[in-house]
N, C-alpha and C. Protein backbone atom coordinates (compact mmCIF):
# COMPACT_ATOMS: atom_id res chain seq x y z
N UNK A 1 209.85 55.12 21.78
CA UNK A 1 211.25 55.12 21.61
C UNK A 1 211.79 54.02 22.69
N UNK A 2 212.76 53.30 22.31
CA UNK A 2 213.31 52.31 23.24
C UNK A 2 214.20 53.10 24.26
N UNK A 3 214.35 52.48 25.43
CA UNK A 3 215.09 52.97 26.45
C UNK A 3 216.63 53.13 25.97
N UNK A 4 217.08 52.15 25.32
CA UNK A 4 218.42 52.20 24.76
C UNK A 4 218.58 53.46 23.86
N UNK A 5 217.62 53.74 23.10
CA UNK A 5 217.79 54.91 22.17
C UNK A 5 217.80 56.24 23.02
N UNK A 6 217.02 56.27 24.08
CA UNK A 6 217.12 57.42 24.98
C UNK A 6 218.51 57.55 25.59
N UNK A 7 219.18 56.51 25.98
CA UNK A 7 220.46 56.47 26.55
C UNK A 7 221.43 57.06 25.42
N UNK A 8 221.39 56.40 24.25
CA UNK A 8 222.20 56.77 23.21
C UNK A 8 222.11 58.15 22.85
N UNK A 9 220.92 58.63 22.82
CA UNK A 9 220.64 60.15 22.55
C UNK A 9 221.39 61.09 23.59
N UNK A 10 221.35 60.52 24.79
CA UNK A 10 222.12 61.27 25.89
C UNK A 10 223.68 61.29 25.63
N UNK A 11 224.17 60.08 25.30
CA UNK A 11 225.60 60.07 25.08
C UNK A 11 225.97 61.02 23.91
N UNK A 12 225.09 61.06 22.90
CA UNK A 12 225.32 61.98 21.76
C UNK A 12 225.26 63.39 22.15
N UNK A 13 224.31 63.62 23.02
CA UNK A 13 224.19 65.14 23.53
C UNK A 13 225.44 65.42 24.37
N UNK A 14 225.91 64.58 25.15
CA UNK A 14 227.28 64.94 25.88
C UNK A 14 228.36 65.14 24.87
N UNK A 15 228.39 64.37 23.86
CA UNK A 15 229.50 64.42 22.87
C UNK A 15 229.45 65.81 22.16
N UNK A 16 228.21 66.26 22.03
CA UNK A 16 227.91 67.54 21.30
C UNK A 16 227.94 68.76 22.26
N UNK A 17 228.07 68.54 23.49
CA UNK A 17 228.04 69.54 24.51
C UNK A 17 226.70 70.14 24.79
N UNK A 18 225.66 69.48 24.35
CA UNK A 18 224.26 69.93 24.48
C UNK A 18 223.67 69.32 25.76
N UNK A 19 224.08 69.98 26.99
CA UNK A 19 223.68 69.42 28.25
C UNK A 19 222.28 69.70 28.57
N UNK A 20 221.63 70.71 27.96
CA UNK A 20 220.23 70.88 28.16
C UNK A 20 219.37 69.78 27.53
N UNK A 21 219.75 69.31 26.40
CA UNK A 21 219.12 68.19 25.75
C UNK A 21 219.26 66.92 26.54
N UNK A 22 220.47 66.73 27.07
CA UNK A 22 220.78 65.66 28.04
C UNK A 22 219.77 65.53 29.18
N UNK A 23 219.71 66.55 29.96
CA UNK A 23 219.00 66.56 31.14
C UNK A 23 217.48 66.52 30.98
N UNK A 24 217.09 66.84 29.75
CA UNK A 24 215.68 66.80 29.41
C UNK A 24 215.15 65.27 29.57
N UNK A 25 215.95 64.35 29.50
CA UNK A 25 215.57 62.85 29.62
C UNK A 25 215.67 62.39 31.09
N UNK A 26 215.85 63.29 32.04
CA UNK A 26 215.99 62.89 33.49
C UNK A 26 214.75 63.42 34.25
N UNK A 27 214.35 62.72 35.23
CA UNK A 27 213.32 63.17 36.20
C UNK A 27 213.82 64.36 37.00
N UNK A 28 212.99 65.22 37.51
CA UNK A 28 213.48 66.30 38.29
C UNK A 28 214.14 65.92 39.59
N UNK A 29 213.76 64.72 40.13
CA UNK A 29 214.29 64.25 41.43
C UNK A 29 215.41 63.18 41.20
N UNK A 30 216.09 63.14 40.00
CA UNK A 30 216.97 62.10 39.67
C UNK A 30 218.19 62.07 40.65
N UNK A 31 219.02 60.93 40.67
CA UNK A 31 220.22 60.78 41.32
C UNK A 31 221.28 60.47 40.35
N UNK A 32 222.42 60.99 40.63
CA UNK A 32 223.66 60.63 39.88
C UNK A 32 224.75 60.20 40.87
N UNK A 33 225.21 59.00 40.70
CA UNK A 33 226.24 58.38 41.63
C UNK A 33 227.40 57.96 40.84
N UNK A 34 228.56 58.34 41.31
CA UNK A 34 229.81 57.91 40.62
C UNK A 34 230.72 57.51 41.70
N UNK A 35 231.43 56.33 41.52
CA UNK A 35 232.28 55.90 42.63
C UNK A 35 233.44 56.84 42.91
N UNK A 36 233.73 56.98 44.18
CA UNK A 36 234.87 57.79 44.61
C UNK A 36 234.36 59.25 44.92
N UNK A 37 233.13 59.57 44.56
CA UNK A 37 232.68 60.96 44.94
C UNK A 37 232.16 60.96 46.40
N UNK A 38 232.29 62.06 47.04
CA UNK A 38 231.83 62.14 48.40
C UNK A 38 230.36 62.40 48.42
N UNK A 39 229.81 62.99 47.41
CA UNK A 39 228.51 63.44 47.45
C UNK A 39 227.76 62.75 46.25
N UNK A 40 226.55 62.55 46.49
CA UNK A 40 225.59 62.01 45.36
C UNK A 40 224.88 63.25 44.90
N UNK A 41 224.82 63.37 43.60
CA UNK A 41 224.10 64.56 43.08
C UNK A 41 222.58 64.15 43.09
N UNK A 42 221.77 65.07 43.68
CA UNK A 42 220.35 64.84 43.75
C UNK A 42 219.68 65.91 43.03
N UNK A 43 218.88 65.57 42.05
CA UNK A 43 218.07 66.52 41.26
C UNK A 43 218.68 66.92 39.99
N UNK A 44 217.73 67.16 39.02
CA UNK A 44 218.24 67.53 37.60
C UNK A 44 218.99 68.82 37.52
N UNK A 45 218.63 69.70 38.42
CA UNK A 45 219.28 71.08 38.30
C UNK A 45 220.72 70.92 38.90
N UNK A 46 220.87 70.16 39.99
CA UNK A 46 222.24 69.90 40.52
C UNK A 46 223.10 69.19 39.45
N UNK A 47 222.53 68.15 38.75
CA UNK A 47 223.13 67.52 37.75
C UNK A 47 223.60 68.33 36.54
N UNK A 48 222.70 69.25 36.11
CA UNK A 48 222.95 70.11 35.11
C UNK A 48 224.07 71.10 35.40
N UNK A 49 224.01 71.61 36.63
CA UNK A 49 225.10 72.47 37.10
C UNK A 49 226.42 71.79 37.09
N UNK A 50 226.59 70.53 37.48
CA UNK A 50 227.77 69.72 37.52
C UNK A 50 228.32 69.50 36.10
N UNK A 51 227.47 69.49 35.17
CA UNK A 51 227.95 69.22 33.82
C UNK A 51 228.73 70.44 33.22
N UNK A 52 228.70 71.59 33.84
CA UNK A 52 229.47 72.71 33.41
C UNK A 52 230.94 72.39 33.68
N UNK A 53 231.25 71.61 34.63
CA UNK A 53 232.66 71.26 34.89
C UNK A 53 232.92 69.82 34.50
N UNK A 54 232.38 69.36 33.45
CA UNK A 54 232.49 68.00 33.02
C UNK A 54 233.87 67.62 32.74
N UNK A 55 234.67 68.54 32.16
CA UNK A 55 236.09 68.24 31.85
C UNK A 55 236.89 67.86 33.10
N UNK A 56 236.63 68.38 34.17
CA UNK A 56 237.28 68.19 35.45
C UNK A 56 236.98 66.85 36.07
N UNK A 57 235.87 66.29 35.68
CA UNK A 57 235.42 64.95 36.16
C UNK A 57 236.08 63.76 35.46
N UNK A 58 236.63 63.98 34.24
CA UNK A 58 237.20 62.90 33.52
C UNK A 58 238.73 63.05 33.49
N UNK A 59 239.43 62.01 33.34
CA UNK A 59 240.92 62.07 33.27
C UNK A 59 241.40 62.79 31.93
N UNK A 60 242.52 63.40 32.09
CA UNK A 60 242.99 64.24 30.91
C UNK A 60 243.15 63.23 29.68
N UNK A 61 242.63 63.76 28.57
CA UNK A 61 242.65 62.98 27.24
C UNK A 61 241.56 61.98 27.30
N UNK A 62 240.58 62.01 28.11
CA UNK A 62 239.55 60.95 28.07
C UNK A 62 238.87 60.82 26.82
N UNK A 63 238.77 59.68 26.24
CA UNK A 63 238.04 59.50 25.02
C UNK A 63 237.27 58.10 25.04
N UNK A 64 236.00 58.16 24.59
CA UNK A 64 235.26 56.92 24.56
C UNK A 64 235.48 56.32 23.13
N UNK A 65 235.92 55.04 23.17
CA UNK A 65 236.34 54.43 21.90
C UNK A 65 235.29 53.48 21.41
N UNK A 66 234.38 52.98 22.20
CA UNK A 66 233.42 52.19 21.87
C UNK A 66 232.28 52.24 22.95
N UNK A 67 231.01 52.05 22.56
CA UNK A 67 229.87 52.16 23.41
C UNK A 67 228.82 51.16 23.04
N UNK A 68 228.31 50.37 23.98
CA UNK A 68 227.21 49.42 23.72
C UNK A 68 226.19 49.63 24.81
N UNK A 69 224.90 49.69 24.38
CA UNK A 69 223.85 49.77 25.34
C UNK A 69 223.01 48.49 25.41
N UNK A 70 222.85 47.96 26.56
CA UNK A 70 222.05 46.69 26.79
C UNK A 70 220.79 47.07 27.59
N UNK A 71 219.63 46.76 27.06
CA UNK A 71 218.42 47.23 27.52
C UNK A 71 217.85 46.08 28.37
N UNK A 72 217.22 46.32 29.55
CA UNK A 72 216.48 45.40 30.29
C UNK A 72 215.15 45.94 30.62
N UNK A 73 214.47 45.56 31.65
CA UNK A 73 213.24 46.08 32.08
C UNK A 73 213.47 47.29 32.95
N UNK A 74 213.06 48.44 32.33
CA UNK A 74 213.16 49.67 33.06
C UNK A 74 214.58 50.08 33.40
N UNK A 75 215.49 49.59 32.62
CA UNK A 75 216.94 49.97 32.79
C UNK A 75 217.70 49.67 31.49
N UNK A 76 218.85 50.43 31.46
CA UNK A 76 219.77 50.25 30.39
C UNK A 76 221.22 50.22 30.98
N UNK A 77 222.08 49.37 30.53
CA UNK A 77 223.48 49.36 30.98
C UNK A 77 224.33 49.79 29.78
N UNK A 78 225.15 50.80 29.94
CA UNK A 78 226.12 51.17 28.89
C UNK A 78 227.36 50.55 29.35
N UNK A 79 228.04 49.85 28.22
CA UNK A 79 229.36 49.37 28.43
C UNK A 79 230.25 50.30 27.67
N UNK A 80 231.08 50.98 28.42
CA UNK A 80 231.92 52.11 27.72
C UNK A 80 233.38 51.65 27.67
N UNK A 81 233.97 51.54 26.52
CA UNK A 81 235.37 51.39 26.32
C UNK A 81 235.98 52.67 26.16
N UNK A 82 237.12 52.97 26.95
CA UNK A 82 237.65 54.33 26.91
C UNK A 82 239.17 54.22 27.07
N UNK A 83 239.86 55.40 26.68
CA UNK A 83 241.27 55.56 26.91
C UNK A 83 241.45 57.04 27.41
N UNK A 84 242.63 57.26 27.87
CA UNK A 84 243.05 58.57 28.32
C UNK A 84 244.47 58.77 28.15
N UNK A 85 245.07 59.90 28.52
CA UNK A 85 246.54 60.10 28.38
C UNK A 85 247.34 59.04 29.09
N UNK A 86 246.80 58.59 30.21
CA UNK A 86 247.62 57.68 31.04
C UNK A 86 247.10 56.23 31.00
N UNK A 87 246.01 56.01 30.30
CA UNK A 87 245.31 54.64 30.31
C UNK A 87 245.11 54.31 28.77
N UNK A 88 245.78 53.28 28.31
CA UNK A 88 245.59 52.97 26.87
C UNK A 88 244.29 52.32 26.52
N UNK A 89 243.74 51.63 27.47
CA UNK A 89 242.46 50.91 27.23
C UNK A 89 241.82 50.61 28.56
N UNK A 90 240.55 50.69 28.72
CA UNK A 90 239.79 50.27 29.84
C UNK A 90 238.35 50.22 29.52
N UNK A 91 237.55 49.72 30.42
CA UNK A 91 236.06 49.71 30.31
C UNK A 91 235.44 50.17 31.62
N UNK A 92 234.27 50.82 31.54
CA UNK A 92 233.37 50.99 32.67
C UNK A 92 232.01 50.75 32.26
N UNK A 93 231.08 50.81 33.26
CA UNK A 93 229.72 50.58 32.87
C UNK A 93 228.89 51.65 33.72
N UNK A 94 227.76 51.90 32.97
CA UNK A 94 226.79 53.01 33.56
C UNK A 94 225.46 52.41 33.55
N UNK A 95 224.85 52.39 34.70
CA UNK A 95 223.47 51.93 34.90
C UNK A 95 222.54 53.02 34.84
N UNK A 96 221.59 52.96 33.94
CA UNK A 96 220.53 54.04 33.94
C UNK A 96 219.19 53.28 34.36
N UNK A 97 218.45 53.80 35.41
CA UNK A 97 217.19 53.29 35.80
C UNK A 97 216.12 54.26 35.32
N UNK A 98 214.96 53.69 34.83
CA UNK A 98 214.05 54.56 34.26
C UNK A 98 212.66 54.43 35.00
N UNK A 99 211.87 55.52 34.94
CA UNK A 99 210.48 55.57 35.24
C UNK A 99 209.81 56.05 34.01
N UNK A 100 208.96 55.20 33.36
CA UNK A 100 208.55 55.57 32.03
C UNK A 100 209.69 55.72 31.05
N UNK A 101 209.65 56.87 30.42
CA UNK A 101 210.85 57.21 29.55
C UNK A 101 211.76 58.24 30.17
N UNK A 102 211.85 58.37 31.43
CA UNK A 102 212.70 59.33 32.05
C UNK A 102 213.65 58.63 32.95
N UNK A 103 214.94 59.04 33.01
CA UNK A 103 215.91 58.47 33.83
C UNK A 103 215.81 59.00 35.23
N UNK A 104 215.78 58.14 36.15
CA UNK A 104 215.78 58.67 37.57
C UNK A 104 216.94 58.31 38.43
N UNK A 105 217.80 57.47 37.78
CA UNK A 105 219.10 57.22 38.47
C UNK A 105 220.21 56.81 37.39
N UNK A 106 221.29 57.51 37.60
CA UNK A 106 222.46 57.14 36.73
C UNK A 106 223.53 56.76 37.74
N UNK A 107 224.15 55.56 37.63
CA UNK A 107 225.15 55.11 38.53
C UNK A 107 226.27 54.49 37.71
N UNK A 108 227.50 55.00 38.01
CA UNK A 108 228.68 54.61 37.24
C UNK A 108 229.43 53.50 38.00
N UNK A 109 229.98 52.49 37.32
CA UNK A 109 230.83 51.48 37.88
C UNK A 109 232.16 51.44 37.16
N UNK A 110 233.25 51.78 37.85
CA UNK A 110 234.47 51.95 37.35
C UNK A 110 235.61 51.42 38.27
N UNK A 111 236.70 50.97 37.76
CA UNK A 111 237.82 50.60 38.60
C UNK A 111 238.36 51.85 39.16
N UNK A 112 238.01 52.14 40.45
CA UNK A 112 238.35 53.44 41.09
C UNK A 112 239.89 53.71 41.17
N UNK A 113 240.58 52.74 41.41
CA UNK A 113 242.05 52.84 41.63
C UNK A 113 242.66 53.23 40.16
N UNK A 114 242.25 52.55 39.06
CA UNK A 114 242.71 53.00 37.84
C UNK A 114 242.26 54.38 37.44
N UNK A 115 240.99 54.61 37.85
CA UNK A 115 240.45 55.92 37.47
C UNK A 115 241.29 57.01 38.13
N UNK A 116 241.48 56.90 39.50
CA UNK A 116 242.21 57.85 40.26
C UNK A 116 243.74 58.03 39.67
N UNK A 117 244.30 56.94 39.29
CA UNK A 117 245.66 56.90 38.74
C UNK A 117 245.74 57.57 37.38
N UNK A 118 244.67 57.75 36.71
CA UNK A 118 244.61 58.26 35.29
C UNK A 118 244.61 59.74 35.29
N UNK A 119 244.51 60.38 36.54
CA UNK A 119 244.53 61.90 36.55
C UNK A 119 245.98 62.33 36.79
């Protein structure tokens, strides 16, 4: 399976609320980094636990309007077009780094000022 397909499967799992399926594609010692967070999540179990509060991590009315996955060597970048109650259109990107067919790092790149103002 291509790495881009693994990432797409993860986005679909998030949309379906199937977080156990999502974390199955991560290494046990993975990292999750999102701008503006004071802490980096380390480990699949910490990541899975944080997903229980996913609604609090995103701006009210957050919706993905388009998604493209670009595959490189051992990595995939998702270009995410989104909107929310306070933002009519924006983009962010997410870098997924792989070892084999498992994600060991997920790093979000977002306009932090716009993101903060969208809450």
